[in-house]
Amino acid sequence: MTQYSISFDDVAMTFPEEELPDVAEAAREVVREAKDVGVWVFGAGLKSHLFTY
């Protein structure tokens, strides 16, 4: 089975504060859809200080 990991760096995930509610709802909808079709495995945040660039 093909597996994918989707990640974004801190810069890609910065939005104007007034857009945050819409962004959060869009993200929740993606998770709901993935769970509904049985492809969701897990979701979690990682602290950037854990990585060396």
C-alpha atoms as a PDB file:
ATOM      1  CA  MET A   1       0.000   0.000   0.000  1.00  0.00           C
ATOM      2  CA  THR A   2       1.287   3.463  -0.868  1.00  0.00           C
ATOM      3  CA  GLN A   3       1.741   5.759   2.121  1.00  0.00           C
ATOM      4  CA  TYR A   4       2.220   9.511   2.164  1.00  0.00           C
ATOM      5  CA  SER A   5       3.454  11.997   4.711  1.00  0.00           C
ATOM      6  CA  ILE A   6       2.288  15.565   4.364  1.00  0.00           C
ATOM      7  CA  SER A   7       4.246  18.257   6.178  1.00  0.00           C
ATOM      8  CA  PHE A   8       4.651  22.006   6.103  1.00  0.00           C
ATOM      9  CA  ASP A   9       7.369  24.186   7.552  1.00  0.00           C
ATOM     10  CA  ASP A  10       6.594  27.091   9.892  1.00  0.00           C
ATOM     11  CA  VAL A  11       6.728  29.660   7.098  1.00  0.00           C
ATOM     12  CA  ALA A  12       4.214  27.816   4.920  1.00  0.00           C
ATOM     13  CA  MET A  13       1.720  27.740   7.763  1.00  0.00           C
ATOM     14  CA  THR A  14       1.564  31.424   8.656  1.00  0.00           C
ATOM     15  CA  PHE A  15      -1.739  33.120   7.949  1.00  0.00           C
ATOM     16  CA  PRO A  16      -3.194  36.491   8.851  1.00  0.00           C
ATOM     17  CA  GLU A  17      -4.964  36.164  12.191  1.00  0.00           C
ATOM     18  CA  GLU A  18      -8.355  36.942  10.664  1.00  0.00           C
ATOM     19  CA  GLU A  19      -8.007  33.925   8.326  1.00  0.00           C
ATOM     20  CA  LEU A  20      -7.170  31.409  11.076  1.00  0.00           C
ATOM     21  CA  PRO A  21     -10.766  30.293  11.784  1.00  0.00           C
ATOM     22  CA  ASP A  22     -11.319  29.481   8.090  1.00  0.00           C
ATOM     23  CA  VAL A  23      -7.940  27.732   7.795  1.00  0.00           C
ATOM     24  CA  ALA A  24      -8.654  25.669  10.911  1.00  0.00           C
ATOM     25  CA  GLU A  25     -12.071  24.627   9.631  1.00  0.00           C
ATOM     26  CA  ALA A  26     -10.623  23.651   6.243  1.00  0.00           C
ATOM     27  CA  ALA A  27      -7.995  21.514   7.998  1.00  0.00           C
ATOM     28  CA  ARG A  28     -10.653  19.840  10.159  1.00  0.00           C
ATOM     29  CA  GLU A  29     -12.686  19.054   7.043  1.00  0.00           C
ATOM     30  CA  VAL A  30      -9.698  17.356   5.389  1.00  0.00           C
ATOM     31  CA  VAL A  31      -9.220  15.223   8.515  1.00  0.00           C
ATOM     32  CA  ARG A  32     -12.932  14.332   8.618  1.00  0.00           C
ATOM     33  CA  GLU A  33     -12.894  13.287   4.966  1.00  0.00           C
ATOM     34  CA  ALA A  34      -9.725  11.201   5.417  1.00  0.00           C
ATOM     35  CA  LYS A  35     -11.258   9.445   8.434  1.00  0.00           C
ATOM     36  CA  ASP A  36     -14.535   8.851   6.584  1.00  0.00           C
ATOM     37  CA  VAL A  37     -12.783   6.983   3.769  1.00  0.00           C
ATOM     38  CA  GLY A  38     -10.453   5.109   6.120  1.00  0.00           C
ATOM     39  CA  VAL A  39      -7.110   6.584   5.096  1.00  0.00           C
ATOM     40  CA  TRP A  40      -6.357   8.630   8.214  1.00  0.00           C
ATOM     41  CA  VAL A  41      -3.485   7.294  10.328  1.00  0.00           C
ATOM     42  CA  PHE A  42      -2.568  10.076  12.749  1.00  0.00           C
ATOM     43  CA  GLY A  43      -1.916  13.765  13.058  1.00  0.00           C
ATOM     44  CA  ALA A  44       0.506  15.581  15.299  1.00  0.00           C
ATOM     45  CA  GLY A  45       2.677  18.635  15.450  1.00  0.00           C
ATOM     46  CA  LEU A  46       6.425  18.541  15.774  1.00  0.00           C
ATOM     47  CA  LYS A  47       8.590  21.170  17.388  1.00  0.00           C
ATOM     48  CA  SER A  48      11.075  22.668  14.921  1.00  0.00           C
ATOM     49  CA  HIS A  49      13.837  22.583  17.555  1.00  0.00           C
ATOM     50  CA  LEU A  50      13.856  18.787  17.205  1.00  0.00           C
ATOM     51  CA  PHE A  51      15.390  19.061  13.749  1.00  0.00           C
ATOM     52  CA  THR A  52      18.768  20.196  12.455  1.00  0.00           C
ATOM     53  CA  TYR A  53      18.640  21.964   9.135  1.00  0.00           C
END
